[in-house]
Amino acid sequence: MATSVFKLTPKEGPMVKFYDRLVLPVTKAAEKLVKPPFGQSVFVVARVPD
């Protein structure tokens, strides 16, 4: 959303480093075992119960 809607470019920082070092390797390993039912673009609609 940040890059497509707000036209922001990713900047090197602690969150990017965290993602690249920890999240990305785990995600790649998990996707080798189980094919996720969705891709990078996931649309979620939520509402507060009445």
PDB file of N, CA and C in Angstrom:
ATOM      1  N   MET A   1       0.824  -1.181   0.000  1.00  0.00           N
ATOM      2  CA  MET A   1       0.000   0.000   0.000  1.00  0.00           C
ATOM      3  C   MET A   1       0.873   1.251   0.000  1.00  0.00           C
ATOM      4  N   ALA A   2       1.946   1.204   0.767  1.00  0.00           N
ATOM      5  CA  ALA A   2       2.801   2.389   0.856  1.00  0.00           C
ATOM      6  C   ALA A   2       3.418   2.738  -0.488  1.00  0.00           C
ATOM      7  N   THR A   3       3.831   1.727  -1.238  1.00  0.00           N
ATOM      8  CA  THR A   3       4.485   2.017  -2.512  1.00  0.00           C
ATOM      9  C   THR A   3       3.499   2.265  -3.641  1.00  0.00           C
ATOM     10  N   SER A   4       2.366   1.588  -3.628  1.00  0.00           N
ATOM     11  CA  SER A   4       1.431   1.757  -4.739  1.00  0.00           C
ATOM     12  C   SER A   4       0.476   2.928  -4.547  1.00  0.00           C
ATOM     13  N   VAL A   5      -0.061   3.108  -3.377  1.00  0.00           N
ATOM     14  CA  VAL A   5      -1.037   4.169  -3.141  1.00  0.00           C
ATOM     15  C   VAL A   5      -0.351   5.501  -2.827  1.00  0.00           C
ATOM     16  N   PHE A   6       0.601   5.460  -1.911  1.00  0.00           N
ATOM     17  CA  PHE A   6       1.225   6.701  -1.464  1.00  0.00           C
ATOM     18  C   PHE A   6       2.503   7.037  -2.228  1.00  0.00           C
ATOM     19  N   LYS A   7       2.889   6.176  -3.160  1.00  0.00           N
ATOM     20  CA  LYS A   7       4.077   6.408  -4.006  1.00  0.00           C
ATOM     21  C   LYS A   7       5.342   6.632  -3.182  1.00  0.00           C
ATOM     22  N   LEU A   8       5.459   5.912  -2.075  1.00  0.00           N
ATOM     23  CA  LEU A   8       6.661   6.006  -1.256  1.00  0.00           C
ATOM     24  C   LEU A   8       7.672   4.962  -1.708  1.00  0.00           C
ATOM     25  N   THR A   9       8.935   5.260  -1.586  1.00  0.00           N
ATOM     26  CA  THR A   9       9.971   4.284  -1.922  1.00  0.00           C
ATOM     27  C   THR A   9      10.544   3.737  -0.621  1.00  0.00           C
ATOM     28  N   PRO A  10      10.816   2.431  -0.581  1.00  0.00           N
ATOM     29  CA  PRO A  10      11.386   1.851   0.636  1.00  0.00           C
ATOM     30  C   PRO A  10      12.756   2.458   0.924  1.00  0.00           C
ATOM     31  N   LYS A  11      12.998   2.780   2.155  1.00  0.00           N
ATOM     32  CA  LYS A  11      14.280   3.344   2.560  1.00  0.00           C
ATOM     33  C   LYS A  11      14.966   2.352   3.490  1.00  0.00           C
ATOM     34  N   GLU A  12      16.264   2.322   3.410  1.00  0.00           N
ATOM     35  CA  GLU A  12      17.024   1.437   4.296  1.00  0.00           C
ATOM     36  C   GLU A  12      16.845   1.921   5.725  1.00  0.00           C
ATOM     37  N   GLY A  13      16.431   1.044   6.581  1.00  0.00           N
ATOM     38  CA  GLY A  13      16.213   1.406   7.976  1.00  0.00           C
ATOM     39  C   GLY A  13      16.051   0.146   8.796  1.00  0.00           C
ATOM     40  N   PRO A  14      15.776   0.290  10.063  1.00  0.00           N
ATOM     41  CA  PRO A  14      15.686  -0.885  10.936  1.00  0.00           C
ATOM     42  C   PRO A  14      14.568  -1.849  10.546  1.00  0.00           C
ATOM     43  N   MET A  15      13.431  -1.337  10.112  1.00  0.00           N
ATOM     44  CA  MET A  15      12.337  -2.242   9.741  1.00  0.00           C
ATOM     45  C   MET A  15      12.660  -3.025   8.474  1.00  0.00           C
ATOM     46  N   VAL A  16      13.313  -2.387   7.514  1.00  0.00           N
ATOM     47  CA  VAL A  16      13.704  -3.076   6.283  1.00  0.00           C
ATOM     48  C   VAL A  16      14.758  -4.126   6.595  1.00  0.00           C
ATOM     49  N   LYS A  17      15.718  -3.789   7.425  1.00  0.00           N
ATOM     50  CA  LYS A  17      16.760  -4.749   7.816  1.00  0.00           C
ATOM     51  C   LYS A  17      16.148  -5.931   8.556  1.00  0.00           C
ATOM     52  N   PHE A  18      15.212  -5.658   9.458  1.00  0.00           N
ATOM     53  CA  PHE A  18      14.529  -6.723  10.192  1.00  0.00           C
ATOM     54  C   PHE A  18      13.797  -7.646   9.230  1.00  0.00           C
ATOM     55  N   TYR A  19      13.072  -7.069   8.290  1.00  0.00           N
ATOM     56  CA  TYR A  19      12.316  -7.857   7.318  1.00  0.00           C
ATOM     57  C   TYR A  19      13.250  -8.704   6.466  1.00  0.00           C
ATOM     58  N   ASP A  20      14.305  -8.089   5.953  1.00  0.00           N
ATOM     59  CA  ASP A  20      15.233  -8.806   5.084  1.00  0.00           C
ATOM     60  C   ASP A  20      15.976  -9.923   5.799  1.00  0.00           C
ATOM     61  N   ARG A  21      16.309  -9.717   7.054  1.00  0.00           N
ATOM     62  CA  ARG A  21      17.095 -10.709   7.797  1.00  0.00           C
ATOM     63  C   ARG A  21      16.259 -11.809   8.433  1.00  0.00           C
ATOM     64  N   LEU A  22      15.067 -11.479   8.886  1.00  0.00           N
ATOM     65  CA  LEU A  22      14.291 -12.458   9.647  1.00  0.00           C
ATOM     66  C   LEU A  22      13.017 -12.927   8.950  1.00  0.00           C
ATOM     67  N   VAL A  23      12.228 -12.010   8.463  1.00  0.00           N
ATOM     68  CA  VAL A  23      10.922 -12.372   7.901  1.00  0.00           C
ATOM     69  C   VAL A  23      11.066 -13.037   6.537  1.00  0.00           C
ATOM     70  N   LEU A  24      11.842 -12.456   5.665  1.00  0.00           N
ATOM     71  CA  LEU A  24      11.973 -12.960   4.307  1.00  0.00           C
ATOM     72  C   LEU A  24      12.505 -14.395   4.249  1.00  0.00           C
ATOM     73  N   PRO A  25      13.577 -14.752   4.956  1.00  0.00           N
ATOM     74  CA  PRO A  25      14.038 -16.146   4.913  1.00  0.00           C
ATOM     75  C   PRO A  25      13.003 -17.146   5.435  1.00  0.00           C
ATOM     76  N   VAL A  26      12.298 -16.767   6.485  1.00  0.00           N
ATOM     77  CA  VAL A  26      11.266 -17.657   7.036  1.00  0.00           C
ATOM     78  C   VAL A  26      10.131 -17.828   6.032  1.00  0.00           C
ATOM     79  N   THR A  27       9.733 -16.742   5.398  1.00  0.00           N
ATOM     80  CA  THR A  27       8.660 -16.796   4.400  1.00  0.00           C
ATOM     81  C   THR A  27       9.049 -17.659   3.222  1.00  0.00           C
ATOM     82  N   LYS A  28      10.273 -17.500   2.726  1.00  0.00           N
ATOM     83  CA  LYS A  28      10.732 -18.305   1.592  1.00  0.00           C
ATOM     84  C   LYS A  28      10.764 -19.780   1.946  1.00  0.00           C
ATOM     85  N   ALA A  29      11.247 -20.105   3.130  1.00  0.00           N
ATOM     86  CA  ALA A  29      11.304 -21.508   3.554  1.00  0.00           C
ATOM     87  C   ALA A  29       9.899 -22.093   3.688  1.00  0.00           C
ATOM     88  N   ALA A  30       8.987 -21.321   4.253  1.00  0.00           N
ATOM     89  CA  ALA A  30       7.618 -21.808   4.427  1.00  0.00           C
ATOM     90  C   ALA A  30       6.932 -22.008   3.086  1.00  0.00           C
ATOM     91  N   GLU A  31       7.193 -21.126   2.113  1.00  0.00           N
ATOM     92  CA  GLU A  31       6.556 -21.251   0.805  1.00  0.00           C
ATOM     93  C   GLU A  31       7.081 -22.436   0.012  1.00  0.00           C
ATOM     94  N   LYS A  32       8.268 -22.926   0.357  1.00  0.00           N
ATOM     95  CA  LYS A  32       8.773 -24.145  -0.285  1.00  0.00           C
ATOM     96  C   LYS A  32       8.014 -25.369   0.208  1.00  0.00           C
ATOM     97  N   LEU A  33       7.534 -25.302   1.442  1.00  0.00           N
ATOM     98  CA  LEU A  33       6.805 -26.425   2.028  1.00  0.00           C
ATOM     99  C   LEU A  33       5.319 -26.392   1.714  1.00  0.00           C
ATOM    100  N   VAL A  34       4.723 -25.210   1.796  1.00  0.00           N
ATOM    101  CA  VAL A  34       3.285 -25.051   1.614  1.00  0.00           C
ATOM    102  C   VAL A  34       3.037 -23.888   0.667  1.00  0.00           C
ATOM    103  N   LYS A  35       2.263 -24.136  -0.382  1.00  0.00           N
ATOM    104  CA  LYS A  35       1.936 -23.061  -1.314  1.00  0.00           C
ATOM    105  C   LYS A  35       0.785 -22.246  -0.730  1.00  0.00           C
ATOM    106  N   PRO A  36       1.027 -20.954  -0.489  1.00  0.00           N
ATOM    107  CA  PRO A  36      -0.032 -20.128   0.092  1.00  0.00           C
ATOM    108  C   PRO A  36      -1.180 -19.931  -0.900  1.00  0.00           C
ATOM    109  N   PRO A  37      -2.406 -19.794  -0.402  1.00  0.00           N
ATOM    110  CA  PRO A  37      -3.562 -19.634  -1.279  1.00  0.00           C
ATOM    111  C   PRO A  37      -3.725 -18.221  -1.825  1.00  0.00           C
ATOM    112  N   PHE A  38      -2.759 -17.348  -1.578  1.00  0.00           N
ATOM    113  CA  PHE A  38      -2.837 -15.970  -2.051  1.00  0.00           C
ATOM    114  C   PHE A  38      -1.427 -15.466  -2.324  1.00  0.00           C
ATOM    115  N   GLY A  39      -1.333 -14.334  -3.019  1.00  0.00           N
ATOM    116  CA  GLY A  39      -0.039 -13.744  -3.346  1.00  0.00           C
ATOM    117  C   GLY A  39       0.250 -12.545  -2.478  1.00  0.00           C
ATOM    118  N   GLN A  40       1.054 -11.626  -2.998  1.00  0.00           N
ATOM    119  CA  GLN A  40       1.413 -10.445  -2.222  1.00  0.00           C
ATOM    120  C   GLN A  40       0.231  -9.515  -2.015  1.00  0.00           C
ATOM    121  N   SER A  41      -0.670  -9.487  -2.958  1.00  0.00           N
ATOM    122  CA  SER A  41      -1.801  -8.586  -2.862  1.00  0.00           C
ATOM    123  C   SER A  41      -2.978  -9.302  -2.209  1.00  0.00           C
ATOM    124  N   VAL A  42      -3.260  -8.927  -1.000  1.00  0.00           N
ATOM    125  CA  VAL A  42      -4.376  -9.507  -0.253  1.00  0.00           C
ATOM    126  C   VAL A  42      -5.289  -8.356   0.135  1.00  0.00           C
ATOM    127  N   PHE A  43      -6.557  -8.486  -0.177  1.00  0.00           N
ATOM    128  CA  PHE A  43      -7.526  -7.451   0.147  1.00  0.00           C
ATOM    129  C   PHE A  43      -8.357  -7.941   1.318  1.00  0.00           C
ATOM    130  N   VAL A  44      -8.410  -7.170   2.369  1.00  0.00           N
ATOM    131  CA  VAL A  44      -9.153  -7.559   3.568  1.00  0.00           C
ATOM    132  C   VAL A  44     -10.250  -6.543   3.831  1.00  0.00           C
ATOM    133  N   VAL A  45     -11.431  -7.058   4.100  1.00  0.00           N
ATOM    134  CA  VAL A  45     -12.550  -6.214   4.497  1.00  0.00           C
ATOM    135  C   VAL A  45     -12.945  -6.635   5.903  1.00  0.00           C
ATOM    136  N   ALA A  46     -12.987  -5.685   6.802  1.00  0.00           N
ATOM    137  CA  ALA A  46     -13.363  -5.989   8.183  1.00  0.00           C
ATOM    138  C   ALA A  46     -14.435  -5.014   8.629  1.00  0.00           C
ATOM    139  N   ARG A  47     -15.218  -5.473   9.575  1.00  0.00           N
ATOM    140  CA  ARG A  47     -16.206  -4.578  10.157  1.00  0.00           C
ATOM    141  C   ARG A  47     -16.363  -4.909  11.625  1.00  0.00           C
ATOM    142  N   VAL A  48     -16.779  -3.925  12.364  1.00  0.00           N
ATOM    143  CA  VAL A  48     -16.982  -4.077  13.803  1.00  0.00           C
ATOM    144  C   VAL A  48     -18.367  -4.686  14.009  1.00  0.00           C
ATOM    145  N   PRO A  49     -18.443  -5.744  14.824  1.00  0.00           N
ATOM    146  CA  PRO A  49     -19.756  -6.334  15.081  1.00  0.00           C
ATOM    147  C   PRO A  49     -20.711  -5.329  15.720  1.00  0.00           C
ATOM    148  N   ASP A  50     -21.969  -5.468  15.409  1.00  0.00           N
ATOM    149  CA  ASP A  50     -22.990  -4.561  15.969  1.00  0.00           C
ATOM    150  C   ASP A  50     -23.236  -4.828  17.429  1.00  0.00           C
TER     151      ASP A  50
END
